[in-house]
């Protein structure tokens, strides 16, 4: 049995806590932490009466907590991961790993120095059945050498207009990892274009369009629409020299009825990736029990940050940017 603490009890943290408590054999949520204590108390009650903490240090130091999930707001990820590393406790951290490359590099160096892999990143598309099917098809060689990656990632408008930097770091990070994981190739160059969400605010982003090149010559494009007005979708298509394949953009079936064909669109990522989130924490717990880490690594989180930074630099300069050639630690 793995006794887990959950940091952050909002939509994502609450989902992880409930999945661990009710959908994951050999896991028990023993503690939750949030500055919003009433919300934390509600999630704790849903998980069978877990302890409630209002500060990071206390939940990490609790001897009953063997491993932690970090689902706090993005700016607090790095601090929480570092606290877990210093305590020697395994952690599943939502992306992004950090909000700056310097923070991400410090985490990477700290884990490497420890000589033990403790961090898994929450790139949950690796646990999504349609993405896994596409990955298996690619690995089989049936599509031949890939020549184009196309990722479409769309959602409904947030309460406030999003900045181009936030869209890249918070949302496009998933598509960056998706491309690396599916193609097993590293980025060499990226170029950013975007449509403003507010006409007189050039930093705002309604639609992001990223072009990229990979080491083996494969090209790619990522489209991120932040204000569709119709729901949430993720769609990936790979074109190879012998064919192409794409994932289904929604979790619901295609319906043919009364001379119409349609597919309901998911309202948000929590619905679209509901099953993937369950499988993610289930596999994480199994890996802890087996003592054999699996899933996206701290290196994946760091590289995603480096690529995201190149996209941000391209947005600021208006020119393509080279992605540094990084050497992965042994």
C-alpha atoms as a PDB file:
ATOM      1  CA  UNK A   1       0.000   0.000   0.000  1.00  0.00           C
ATOM      2  CA  UNK A   2       1.315   3.441  -0.993  1.00  0.00           C
ATOM      3  CA  UNK A   3       0.196   6.295   1.279  1.00  0.00           C
ATOM      4  CA  UNK A   4      -0.164   9.423  -0.818  1.00  0.00           C
ATOM      5  CA  UNK A   5      -0.396  13.136  -0.085  1.00  0.00           C
ATOM      6  CA  UNK A   6      -1.993  15.498  -2.611  1.00  0.00           C
ATOM      7  CA  UNK A   7      -0.810  19.118  -2.898  1.00  0.00           C
ATOM      8  CA  UNK A   8      -3.512  21.325  -4.407  1.00  0.00           C
ATOM      9  CA  UNK A   9      -7.192  20.360  -4.297  1.00  0.00           C
ATOM     10  CA  UNK A  10      -8.659  22.308  -7.217  1.00  0.00           C
ATOM     11  CA  UNK A  11     -10.126  20.656 -10.313  1.00  0.00           C
ATOM     12  CA  UNK A  12      -6.983  18.715 -11.173  1.00  0.00           C
ATOM     13  CA  UNK A  13      -5.888  17.955  -7.617  1.00  0.00           C
ATOM     14  CA  UNK A  14      -9.384  16.887  -6.629  1.00  0.00           C
ATOM     15  CA  UNK A  15      -9.528  14.570  -9.630  1.00  0.00           C
ATOM     16  CA  UNK A  16      -6.195  12.957  -8.749  1.00  0.00           C
ATOM     17  CA  UNK A  17      -7.157  12.583  -5.080  1.00  0.00           C
ATOM     18  CA  UNK A  18     -10.466  10.881  -5.877  1.00  0.00           C
ATOM     19  CA  UNK A  19      -8.879   8.622  -8.509  1.00  0.00           C
ATOM     20  CA  UNK A  20      -6.229   7.540  -6.012  1.00  0.00           C
ATOM     21  CA  UNK A  21      -8.761   7.005  -3.229  1.00  0.00           C
ATOM     22  CA  UNK A  22     -11.465   5.232  -5.217  1.00  0.00           C
ATOM     23  CA  UNK A  23      -9.975   3.931  -8.471  1.00  0.00           C
ATOM     24  CA  UNK A  24      -6.447   2.861  -7.544  1.00  0.00           C
ATOM     25  CA  UNK A  25      -5.786  -0.438  -5.761  1.00  0.00           C
ATOM     26  CA  UNK A  26      -2.885  -0.342  -3.286  1.00  0.00           C
ATOM     27  CA  UNK A  27      -3.131   3.443  -2.821  1.00  0.00           C
ATOM     28  CA  UNK A  28      -4.506   5.439   0.087  1.00  0.00           C
ATOM     29  CA  UNK A  29      -4.834   9.219   0.276  1.00  0.00           C
ATOM     30  CA  UNK A  30      -3.684  10.045   3.785  1.00  0.00           C
ATOM     31  CA  UNK A  31      -3.185  13.807   3.454  1.00  0.00           C
ATOM     32  CA  UNK A  32      -4.182  16.784   1.323  1.00  0.00           C
ATOM     33  CA  UNK A  33      -2.847  20.334   1.326  1.00  0.00           C
ATOM     34  CA  UNK A  34      -4.315  23.609   0.087  1.00  0.00           C
ATOM     35  CA  UNK A  35      -4.326  27.213   1.273  1.00  0.00           C
ATOM     36  CA  UNK A  36      -8.094  27.018   0.717  1.00  0.00           C
ATOM     37  CA  UNK A  37      -8.705  24.915   3.820  1.00  0.00           C
ATOM     38  CA  UNK A  38     -12.488  24.410   3.344  1.00  0.00           C
ATOM     39  CA  UNK A  39     -11.886  23.029  -0.139  1.00  0.00           C
ATOM     40  CA  UNK A  40      -9.118  20.785   1.174  1.00  0.00           C
ATOM     41  CA  UNK A  41     -11.432  19.540   3.918  1.00  0.00           C
ATOM     42  CA  UNK A  42     -14.080  18.668   1.326  1.00  0.00           C
ATOM     43  CA  UNK A  43     -11.609  16.610  -0.736  1.00  0.00           C
ATOM     44  CA  UNK A  44     -10.230  14.992   2.429  1.00  0.00           C
ATOM     45  CA  UNK A  45     -13.749  13.902   3.342  1.00  0.00           C
ATOM     46  CA  UNK A  46     -14.298  12.462  -0.142  1.00  0.00           C
ATOM     47  CA  UNK A  47     -11.097  10.453   0.328  1.00  0.00           C
ATOM     48  CA  UNK A  48     -12.135   8.862   3.598  1.00  0.00           C
ATOM     49  CA  UNK A  49     -10.959  11.406   6.111  1.00  0.00           C
ATOM     50  CA  UNK A  50      -7.414  12.311   5.056  1.00  0.00           C
ATOM     51  CA  UNK A  51      -5.421  14.770   7.142  1.00  0.00           C
ATOM     52  CA  UNK A  52      -5.600  18.402   6.023  1.00  0.00           C
ATOM     53  CA  UNK A  53      -2.591  20.718   5.801  1.00  0.00           C
ATOM     54  CA  UNK A  54      -2.374  24.388   4.859  1.00  0.00           C
ATOM     55  CA  UNK A  55       1.368  24.550   4.160  1.00  0.00           C
ATOM     56  CA  UNK A  56       3.805  22.669   1.946  1.00  0.00           C
ATOM     57  CA  UNK A  57       6.500  21.780   4.474  1.00  0.00           C
ATOM     58  CA  UNK A  58       4.075  20.049   6.831  1.00  0.00           C
ATOM     59  CA  UNK A  59       2.570  17.649   4.305  1.00  0.00           C
ATOM     60  CA  UNK A  60       5.965  16.756   2.814  1.00  0.00           C
ATOM     61  CA  UNK A  61       7.435  16.114   6.277  1.00  0.00           C
ATOM     62  CA  UNK A  62       4.503  14.010   7.492  1.00  0.00           C
ATOM     63  CA  UNK A  63       5.912  10.510   8.154  1.00  0.00           C
ATOM     64  CA  UNK A  64       2.629   8.919   7.031  1.00  0.00           C
ATOM     65  CA  UNK A  65       3.035  10.393   3.519  1.00  0.00           C
ATOM     66  CA  UNK A  66       5.190   8.112   1.360  1.00  0.00           C
ATOM     67  CA  UNK A  67       4.651   9.812  -2.016  1.00  0.00           C
ATOM     68  CA  UNK A  68       3.036  12.999  -3.258  1.00  0.00           C
ATOM     69  CA  UNK A  69       1.010  14.386  -6.143  1.00  0.00           C
ATOM     70  CA  UNK A  70       1.533  18.045  -7.019  1.00  0.00           C
ATOM     71  CA  UNK A  71      -1.461  19.774  -8.594  1.00  0.00           C
ATOM     72  CA  UNK A  72      -1.010  23.289  -7.236  1.00  0.00           C
ATOM     73  CA  UNK A  73      -0.938  26.347  -9.560  1.00  0.00           C
ATOM     74  CA  UNK A  74       1.988  26.361 -11.999  1.00  0.00           C
ATOM     75  CA  UNK A  75       4.178  28.943 -10.183  1.00  0.00           C
ATOM     76  CA  UNK A  76       4.351  26.666  -7.110  1.00  0.00           C
ATOM     77  CA  UNK A  77       5.381  23.444  -8.880  1.00  0.00           C
ATOM     78  CA  UNK A  78       9.140  23.951  -8.668  1.00  0.00           C
ATOM     79  CA  UNK A  79       9.163  24.696  -4.943  1.00  0.00           C
ATOM     80  CA  UNK A  80       6.989  21.678  -4.193  1.00  0.00           C
ATOM     81  CA  UNK A  81       9.057  19.304  -6.347  1.00  0.00           C
ATOM     82  CA  UNK A  82      12.277  20.485  -4.712  1.00  0.00           C
ATOM     83  CA  UNK A  83      10.780  19.902  -1.260  1.00  0.00           C
ATOM     84  CA  UNK A  84       9.840  16.332  -2.250  1.00  0.00           C
ATOM     85  CA  UNK A  85      13.301  15.657  -3.690  1.00  0.00           C
ATOM     86  CA  UNK A  86      15.016  16.910  -0.546  1.00  0.00           C
ATOM     87  CA  UNK A  87      12.738  14.657   1.516  1.00  0.00           C
ATOM     88  CA  UNK A  88      13.508  11.692  -0.769  1.00  0.00           C
ATOM     89  CA  UNK A  89       9.836  11.146  -1.574  1.00  0.00           C
ATOM     90  CA  UNK A  90       8.527  10.132  -5.020  1.00  0.00           C
ATOM     91  CA  UNK A  91       6.307  12.709  -6.702  1.00  0.00           C
ATOM     92  CA  UNK A  92       3.877  12.887  -9.606  1.00  0.00           C
ATOM     93  CA  UNK A  93       3.898  16.538 -10.690  1.00  0.00           C
ATOM     94  CA  UNK A  94       1.445  18.141 -13.064  1.00  0.00           C
ATOM     95  CA  UNK A  95       3.028  19.956 -15.962  1.00  0.00           C
ATOM     96  CA  UNK A  96       4.780  22.283 -16.313  1.00  0.00           C
ATOM     97  CA  UNK A  97       7.725  21.159 -14.207  1.00  0.00           C
ATOM     98  CA  UNK A  98       8.444  24.829 -13.517  1.00  0.00           C
ATOM     99  CA  UNK A  99       7.758  28.223 -15.057  1.00  0.00           C
ATOM    100  CA  UNK A 100      11.397  29.047 -15.840  1.00  0.00           C
ATOM    101  CA  UNK A 101      14.209  27.027 -17.372  1.00  0.00           C
ATOM    102  CA  UNK A 102      16.457  27.881 -14.440  1.00  0.00           C
ATOM    103  CA  UNK A 103      14.003  26.293 -11.995  1.00  0.00           C
ATOM    104  CA  UNK A 104      13.565  23.235 -14.219  1.00  0.00           C
ATOM    105  CA  UNK A 105      17.345  22.806 -14.534  1.00  0.00           C
ATOM    106  CA  UNK A 106      17.766  23.027 -10.749  1.00  0.00           C
ATOM    107  CA  UNK A 107      15.214  20.242 -10.308  1.00  0.00           C
ATOM    108  CA  UNK A 108      16.930  18.115 -12.954  1.00  0.00           C
ATOM    109  CA  UNK A 109      20.354  18.605 -11.370  1.00  0.00           C
ATOM    110  CA  UNK A 110      19.007  17.833  -7.904  1.00  0.00           C
ATOM    111  CA  UNK A 111      17.425  14.560  -9.023  1.00  0.00           C
ATOM    112  CA  UNK A 112      20.544  13.536 -10.949  1.00  0.00           C
ATOM    113  CA  UNK A 113      22.708  14.280  -7.892  1.00  0.00           C
ATOM    114  CA  UNK A 114      20.457  12.092  -5.754  1.00  0.00           C
ATOM    115  CA  UNK A 115      21.202   9.116  -8.002  1.00  0.00           C
ATOM    116  CA  UNK A 116      17.566   8.046  -7.863  1.00  0.00           C
ATOM    117  CA  UNK A 117      14.605   8.784 -10.101  1.00  0.00           C
ATOM    118  CA  UNK A 118      11.805  10.272  -8.006  1.00  0.00           C
ATOM    119  CA  UNK A 119       9.868  12.603 -10.326  1.00  0.00           C
ATOM    120  CA  UNK A 120       7.190  11.723 -12.863  1.00  0.00           C
ATOM    121  CA  UNK A 121       5.601  14.456 -14.988  1.00  0.00           C
ATOM    122  CA  UNK A 122       1.864  14.623 -15.613  1.00  0.00           C
ATOM    123  CA  UNK A 123       1.963  14.308 -19.400  1.00  0.00           C
ATOM    124  CA  UNK A 124      -1.155  12.152 -19.324  1.00  0.00           C
ATOM    125  CA  UNK A 125      -1.481  11.692 -23.096  1.00  0.00           C
ATOM    126  CA  UNK A 126       0.924   8.764 -22.747  1.00  0.00           C
ATOM    127  CA  UNK A 127      -1.928   7.015 -20.887  1.00  0.00           C
ATOM    128  CA  UNK A 128      -4.679   7.939 -23.367  1.00  0.00           C
ATOM    129  CA  UNK A 129      -5.831   4.901 -25.390  1.00  0.00           C
ATOM    130  CA  UNK A 130      -6.151   6.735 -28.758  1.00  0.00           C
ATOM    131  CA  UNK A 131      -2.650   8.187 -28.353  1.00  0.00           C
ATOM    132  CA  UNK A 132      -1.271   4.788 -27.362  1.00  0.00           C
ATOM    133  CA  UNK A 133      -2.853   3.206 -30.436  1.00  0.00           C
ATOM    134  CA  UNK A 134      -1.248   5.834 -32.673  1.00  0.00           C
ATOM    135  CA  UNK A 135       2.098   5.279 -30.945  1.00  0.00           C
ATOM    136  CA  UNK A 136       1.859   1.511 -31.491  1.00  0.00           C
ATOM    137  CA  UNK A 137       1.063   2.036 -35.180  1.00  0.00           C
ATOM    138  CA  UNK A 138       4.042   4.351 -35.588  1.00  0.00           C
ATOM    139  CA  UNK A 139       6.361   1.942 -33.799  1.00  0.00           C
ATOM    140  CA  UNK A 140       5.178  -0.928 -36.010  1.00  0.00           C
ATOM    141  CA  UNK A 141       6.555   0.836 -39.075  1.00  0.00           C
ATOM    142  CA  UNK A 142       3.295   0.523 -41.019  1.00  0.00           C
ATOM    143  CA  UNK A 143       3.219   4.268 -41.742  1.00  0.00           C
ATOM    144  CA  UNK A 144       6.831   4.311 -42.857  1.00  0.00           C
ATOM    145  CA  UNK A 145       9.196   7.153 -41.982  1.00  0.00           C
ATOM    146  CA  UNK A 146       7.197  10.053 -40.485  1.00  0.00           C
ATOM    147  CA  UNK A 147       7.386  13.312 -42.435  1.00  0.00           C
ATOM    148  CA  UNK A 148       4.792  15.480 -40.648  1.00  0.00           C
ATOM    149  CA  UNK A 149       3.369  15.832 -37.136  1.00  0.00           C
ATOM    150  CA  UNK A 150       0.161  17.837 -36.821  1.00  0.00           C
ATOM    151  CA  UNK A 151      -1.337  18.541 -33.402  1.00  0.00           C
ATOM    152  CA  UNK A 152      -4.609  20.396 -32.873  1.00  0.00           C
ATOM    153  CA  UNK A 153      -5.430  21.435 -29.312  1.00  0.00           C
ATOM    154  CA  UNK A 154      -8.537  23.548 -28.741  1.00  0.00           C
ATOM    155  CA  UNK A 155     -10.513  24.714 -25.737  1.00  0.00           C
ATOM    156  CA  UNK A 156     -13.037  27.261 -24.571  1.00  0.00           C
ATOM    157  CA  UNK A 157     -12.199  30.760 -23.386  1.00  0.00           C
ATOM    158  CA  UNK A 158     -10.846  31.329 -19.886  1.00  0.00           C
ATOM    159  CA  UNK A 159     -12.340  34.049 -17.698  1.00  0.00           C
ATOM    160  CA  UNK A 160      -9.453  36.378 -18.599  1.00  0.00           C
ATOM    161  CA  UNK A 161      -7.572  36.639 -21.934  1.00  0.00           C
ATOM    162  CA  UNK A 162      -4.478  34.438 -21.910  1.00  0.00           C
ATOM    163  CA  UNK A 163      -1.012  35.665 -22.810  1.00  0.00           C
ATOM    164  CA  UNK A 164       0.997  34.026 -25.561  1.00  0.00           C
ATOM    165  CA  UNK A 165       3.585  33.002 -22.961  1.00  0.00           C
ATOM    166  CA  UNK A 166       0.959  31.328 -20.747  1.00  0.00           C
ATOM    167  CA  UNK A 167      -0.576  29.475 -23.704  1.00  0.00           C
ATOM    168  CA  UNK A 168       2.817  28.071 -24.677  1.00  0.00           C
ATOM    169  CA  UNK A 169       4.044  27.105 -21.206  1.00  0.00           C
ATOM    170  CA  UNK A 170       0.734  25.877 -19.767  1.00  0.00           C
ATOM    171  CA  UNK A 171      -1.014  24.306 -22.769  1.00  0.00           C
ATOM    172  CA  UNK A 172       1.333  23.817 -25.717  1.00  0.00           C
ATOM    173  CA  UNK A 173       3.734  22.000 -23.369  1.00  0.00           C
ATOM    174  CA  UNK A 174       1.450  18.959 -23.701  1.00  0.00           C
ATOM    175  CA  UNK A 175       1.730  19.054 -27.501  1.00  0.00           C
ATOM    176  CA  UNK A 176       5.507  19.491 -27.309  1.00  0.00           C
ATOM    177  CA  UNK A 177       5.814  16.334 -25.226  1.00  0.00           C
ATOM    178  CA  UNK A 178       3.289  14.513 -27.410  1.00  0.00           C
ATOM    179  CA  UNK A 179       5.430  15.171 -30.494  1.00  0.00           C
ATOM    180  CA  UNK A 180       8.656  14.056 -28.767  1.00  0.00           C
ATOM    181  CA  UNK A 181       7.030  10.915 -27.349  1.00  0.00           C
ATOM    182  CA  UNK A 182       5.288   9.849 -30.570  1.00  0.00           C
ATOM    183  CA  UNK A 183       8.139  10.608 -32.967  1.00  0.00           C
ATOM    184  CA  UNK A 184      11.022   9.795 -30.592  1.00  0.00           C
ATOM    185  CA  UNK A 185      12.781  12.795 -32.069  1.00  0.00           C
ATOM    186  CA  UNK A 186      14.100  16.058 -30.659  1.00  0.00           C
ATOM    187  CA  UNK A 187      13.192  19.550 -31.842  1.00  0.00           C
ATOM    188  CA  UNK A 188      15.825  21.552 -33.741  1.00  0.00           C
ATOM    189  CA  UNK A 189      13.919  24.730 -34.668  1.00  0.00           C
ATOM    190  CA  UNK A 190      10.584  26.388 -33.895  1.00  0.00           C
ATOM    191  CA  UNK A 191       8.616  29.390 -35.137  1.00  0.00           C
ATOM    192  CA  UNK A 192       5.653  31.063 -33.458  1.00  0.00           C
ATOM    193  CA  UNK A 193       2.753  33.013 -34.915  1.00  0.00           C
ATOM    194  CA  UNK A 194      -0.447  33.932 -33.118  1.00  0.00           C
ATOM    195  CA  UNK A 195      -3.716  35.830 -33.351  1.00  0.00           C
ATOM    196  CA  UNK A 196      -4.419  38.347 -30.606  1.00  0.00           C
ATOM    197  CA  UNK A 197      -7.362  37.771 -28.318  1.00  0.00           C
ATOM    198  CA  UNK A 198      -7.689  41.476 -27.536  1.00  0.00           C
ATOM    199  CA  UNK A 199      -6.848  43.683 -30.510  1.00  0.00           C
ATOM    200  CA  UNK A 200      -5.038  46.407 -28.567  1.00  0.00           C
ATOM    201  CA  UNK A 201      -3.177  43.949 -26.301  1.00  0.00           C
ATOM    202  CA  UNK A 202      -0.425  42.298 -28.372  1.00  0.00           C
ATOM    203  CA  UNK A 203       0.556  39.924 -25.546  1.00  0.00           C
ATOM    204  CA  UNK A 204      -2.843  38.169 -25.596  1.00  0.00           C
ATOM    205  CA  UNK A 205      -3.406  35.002 -27.593  1.00  0.00           C
ATOM    206  CA  UNK A 206      -6.572  33.589 -29.106  1.00  0.00           C
ATOM    207  CA  UNK A 207      -4.883  31.192 -31.514  1.00  0.00           C
ATOM    208  CA  UNK A 208      -1.308  29.910 -31.419  1.00  0.00           C
ATOM    209  CA  UNK A 209       0.345  28.386 -34.482  1.00  0.00           C
ATOM    210  CA  UNK A 210       3.736  26.786 -34.012  1.00  0.00           C
ATOM    211  CA  UNK A 211       5.915  25.339 -36.744  1.00  0.00           C
ATOM    212  CA  UNK A 212       8.809  23.047 -35.944  1.00  0.00           C
ATOM    213  CA  UNK A 213      11.545  20.858 -37.370  1.00  0.00           C
ATOM    214  CA  UNK A 214      13.034  17.699 -35.875  1.00  0.00           C
ATOM    215  CA  UNK A 215      16.490  16.119 -36.001  1.00  0.00           C
ATOM    216  CA  UNK A 216      15.541  13.501 -38.577  1.00  0.00           C
ATOM    217  CA  UNK A 217      14.023  16.081 -40.951  1.00  0.00           C
ATOM    218  CA  UNK A 218      10.406  15.550 -39.926  1.00  0.00           C
ATOM    219  CA  UNK A 219       8.343  18.740 -39.909  1.00  0.00           C
ATOM    220  CA  UNK A 220       5.497  19.651 -37.573  1.00  0.00           C
ATOM    221  CA  UNK A 221       2.784  22.119 -36.711  1.00  0.00           C
ATOM    222  CA  UNK A 222       0.853  22.743 -33.503  1.00  0.00           C
ATOM    223  CA  UNK A 223      -2.416  24.677 -33.471  1.00  0.00           C
ATOM    224  CA  UNK A 224      -3.760  25.834 -30.095  1.00  0.00           C
ATOM    225  CA  UNK A 225      -7.126  27.627 -30.155  1.00  0.00           C
ATOM    226  CA  UNK A 226      -7.902  29.103 -26.734  1.00  0.00           C
ATOM    227  CA  UNK A 227     -11.442  30.304 -27.465  1.00  0.00           C
ATOM    228  CA  UNK A 228     -13.381  27.909 -29.673  1.00  0.00           C
ATOM    229  CA  UNK A 229     -16.780  28.414 -28.106  1.00  0.00           C
ATOM    230  CA  UNK A 230     -17.726  24.786 -28.752  1.00  0.00           C
ATOM    231  CA  UNK A 231     -15.717  22.653 -26.316  1.00  0.00           C
ATOM    232  CA  UNK A 232     -12.396  20.876 -25.884  1.00  0.00           C
ATOM    233  CA  UNK A 233     -10.560  18.676 -28.396  1.00  0.00           C
ATOM    234  CA  UNK A 234      -7.132  17.175 -28.900  1.00  0.00           C
ATOM    235  CA  UNK A 235      -6.327  15.674 -32.274  1.00  0.00           C
ATOM    236  CA  UNK A 236      -2.982  14.327 -33.522  1.00  0.00           C
ATOM    237  CA  UNK A 237      -2.221  13.261 -37.076  1.00  0.00           C
ATOM    238  CA  UNK A 238       1.022  11.685 -38.287  1.00  0.00           C
ATOM    239  CA  UNK A 239       1.845  11.537 -41.984  1.00  0.00           C
ATOM    240  CA  UNK A 240       4.411   8.953 -43.034  1.00  0.00           C
ATOM    241  CA  UNK A 241       5.854   7.964 -46.380  1.00  0.00           C
ATOM    242  CA  UNK A 242       3.542   4.904 -46.446  1.00  0.00           C
ATOM    243  CA  UNK A 243       0.337   6.402 -45.023  1.00  0.00           C
ATOM    244  CA  UNK A 244      -1.140   8.585 -42.315  1.00  0.00           C
ATOM    245  CA  UNK A 245      -3.130   8.117 -39.114  1.00  0.00           C
ATOM    246  CA  UNK A 246      -4.888  10.354 -36.609  1.00  0.00           C
ATOM    247  CA  UNK A 247      -6.409  10.047 -33.169  1.00  0.00           C
ATOM    248  CA  UNK A 248     -10.087  10.585 -32.480  1.00  0.00           C
ATOM    249  CA  UNK A 249     -10.603  14.185 -31.290  1.00  0.00           C
ATOM    250  CA  UNK A 250     -13.276  13.315 -28.710  1.00  0.00           C
ATOM    251  CA  UNK A 251     -14.092  10.570 -26.210  1.00  0.00           C
ATOM    252  CA  UNK A 252     -17.699  10.107 -27.391  1.00  0.00           C
ATOM    253  CA  UNK A 253     -18.713   7.821 -30.287  1.00  0.00           C
ATOM    254  CA  UNK A 254     -19.688   9.034 -33.749  1.00  0.00           C
ATOM    255  CA  UNK A 255     -23.476   8.846 -34.060  1.00  0.00           C
ATOM    256  CA  UNK A 256     -25.538   8.447 -37.240  1.00  0.00           C
ATOM    257  CA  UNK A 257     -29.163   9.320 -36.672  1.00  0.00           C
ATOM    258  CA  UNK A 258     -32.040  10.975 -38.597  1.00  0.00           C
ATOM    259  CA  UNK A 259     -29.887  11.671 -41.653  1.00  0.00           C
ATOM    260  CA  UNK A 260     -27.166  13.252 -39.541  1.00  0.00           C
ATOM    261  CA  UNK A 261     -23.730  12.145 -38.460  1.00  0.00           C
ATOM    262  CA  UNK A 262     -22.235  13.791 -35.396  1.00  0.00           C
ATOM    263  CA  UNK A 263     -19.855  13.376 -32.480  1.00  0.00           C
ATOM    264  CA  UNK A 264     -20.472  15.196 -29.190  1.00  0.00           C
ATOM    265  CA  UNK A 265     -17.553  17.396 -28.117  1.00  0.00           C
ATOM    266  CA  UNK A 266     -16.079  17.149 -24.613  1.00  0.00           C
ATOM    267  CA  UNK A 267     -16.516  20.224 -22.368  1.00  0.00           C
ATOM    268  CA  UNK A 268     -12.978  20.196 -20.962  1.00  0.00           C
ATOM    269  CA  UNK A 269      -9.779  18.183 -20.502  1.00  0.00           C
ATOM    270  CA  UNK A 270     -11.031  16.508 -17.333  1.00  0.00           C
ATOM    271  CA  UNK A 271     -13.750  14.784 -19.371  1.00  0.00           C
ATOM    272  CA  UNK A 272     -11.666  14.142 -22.505  1.00  0.00           C
ATOM    273  CA  UNK A 273      -8.840  12.522 -20.528  1.00  0.00           C
ATOM    274  CA  UNK A 274     -10.879  11.063 -17.666  1.00  0.00           C
ATOM    275  CA  UNK A 275      -9.692   7.510 -18.311  1.00  0.00           C
ATOM    276  CA  UNK A 276      -6.110   8.625 -18.943  1.00  0.00           C
ATOM    277  CA  UNK A 277      -5.949  10.363 -15.559  1.00  0.00           C
ATOM    278  CA  UNK A 278      -7.078   7.156 -13.845  1.00  0.00           C
ATOM    279  CA  UNK A 279      -4.532   5.028 -15.681  1.00  0.00           C
ATOM    280  CA  UNK A 280      -1.805   7.592 -15.010  1.00  0.00           C
ATOM    281  CA  UNK A 281      -2.079   7.398 -11.210  1.00  0.00           C
ATOM    282  CA  UNK A 282      -2.698   3.646 -11.272  1.00  0.00           C
ATOM    283  CA  UNK A 283       0.498   3.032 -13.261  1.00  0.00           C
ATOM    284  CA  UNK A 284       2.414   5.482 -11.064  1.00  0.00           C
ATOM    285  CA  UNK A 285       1.424   3.591  -7.903  1.00  0.00           C
ATOM    286  CA  UNK A 286       2.295   0.250  -9.495  1.00  0.00           C
ATOM    287  CA  UNK A 287       5.718   1.606 -10.451  1.00  0.00           C
ATOM    288  CA  UNK A 288       6.316   2.720  -6.850  1.00  0.00           C
ATOM    289  CA  UNK A 289       5.352  -0.694  -5.517  1.00  0.00           C
ATOM    290  CA  UNK A 290       7.640  -2.390  -8.043  1.00  0.00           C
ATOM    291  CA  UNK A 291      10.485   0.036  -7.428  1.00  0.00           C
ATOM    292  CA  UNK A 292      10.782   0.541 -11.192  1.00  0.00           C
ATOM    293  CA  UNK A 293       9.949   4.123 -12.271  1.00  0.00           C
ATOM    294  CA  UNK A 294       7.983   4.489 -15.501  1.00  0.00           C
ATOM    295  CA  UNK A 295       6.200   7.306 -17.292  1.00  0.00           C
ATOM    296  CA  UNK A 296       7.356  10.791 -18.354  1.00  0.00           C
ATOM    297  CA  UNK A 297      10.549  11.836 -16.597  1.00  0.00           C
ATOM    298  CA  UNK A 298      11.944  15.025 -15.114  1.00  0.00           C
ATOM    299  CA  UNK A 299      14.081  15.134 -18.275  1.00  0.00           C
ATOM    300  CA  UNK A 300      10.904  15.213 -20.377  1.00  0.00           C
ATOM    301  CA  UNK A 301       9.654  18.088 -18.271  1.00  0.00           C
ATOM    302  CA  UNK A 302      12.930  19.971 -18.650  1.00  0.00           C
ATOM    303  CA  UNK A 303      13.121  19.486 -22.425  1.00  0.00           C
ATOM    304  CA  UNK A 304       9.504  20.597 -22.799  1.00  0.00           C
ATOM    305  CA  UNK A 305      10.475  23.794 -20.943  1.00  0.00           C
ATOM    306  CA  UNK A 306      13.464  24.369 -23.240  1.00  0.00           C
ATOM    307  CA  UNK A 307      11.331  23.921 -26.367  1.00  0.00           C
ATOM    308  CA  UNK A 308       8.576  26.114 -24.896  1.00  0.00           C
ATOM    309  CA  UNK A 309      11.186  28.804 -24.202  1.00  0.00           C
ATOM    310  CA  UNK A 310      12.257  28.691 -27.849  1.00  0.00           C
ATOM    311  CA  UNK A 311       8.621  29.181 -28.918  1.00  0.00           C
ATOM    312  CA  UNK A 312       8.363  32.138 -26.506  1.00  0.00           C
ATOM    313  CA  UNK A 313      11.596  33.658 -27.874  1.00  0.00           C
ATOM    314  CA  UNK A 314      10.229  33.271 -31.391  1.00  0.00           C
ATOM    315  CA  UNK A 315       7.046  35.071 -30.348  1.00  0.00           C
ATOM    316  CA  UNK A 316       9.075  37.943 -28.903  1.00  0.00           C
ATOM    317  CA  UNK A 317      11.495  38.271 -31.829  1.00  0.00           C
ATOM    318  CA  UNK A 318       9.216  37.341 -34.719  1.00  0.00           C
ATOM    319  CA  UNK A 319      11.862  34.958 -36.048  1.00  0.00           C
ATOM    320  CA  UNK A 320      12.471  31.193 -35.999  1.00  0.00           C
ATOM    321  CA  UNK A 321      14.552  30.032 -33.043  1.00  0.00           C
ATOM    322  CA  UNK A 322      17.045  27.189 -32.760  1.00  0.00           C
ATOM    323  CA  UNK A 323      16.353  24.664 -29.988  1.00  0.00           C
ATOM    324  CA  UNK A 324      19.576  23.836 -28.105  1.00  0.00           C
ATOM    325  CA  UNK A 325      20.986  20.355 -28.615  1.00  0.00           C
ATOM    326  CA  UNK A 326      20.773  18.897 -25.123  1.00  0.00           C
ATOM    327  CA  UNK A 327      22.675  15.943 -23.677  1.00  0.00           C
ATOM    328  CA  UNK A 328      20.541  13.687 -21.543  1.00  0.00           C
ATOM    329  CA  UNK A 329      22.156  12.653 -18.220  1.00  0.00           C
ATOM    330  CA  UNK A 330      22.940   8.955 -17.979  1.00  0.00           C
END
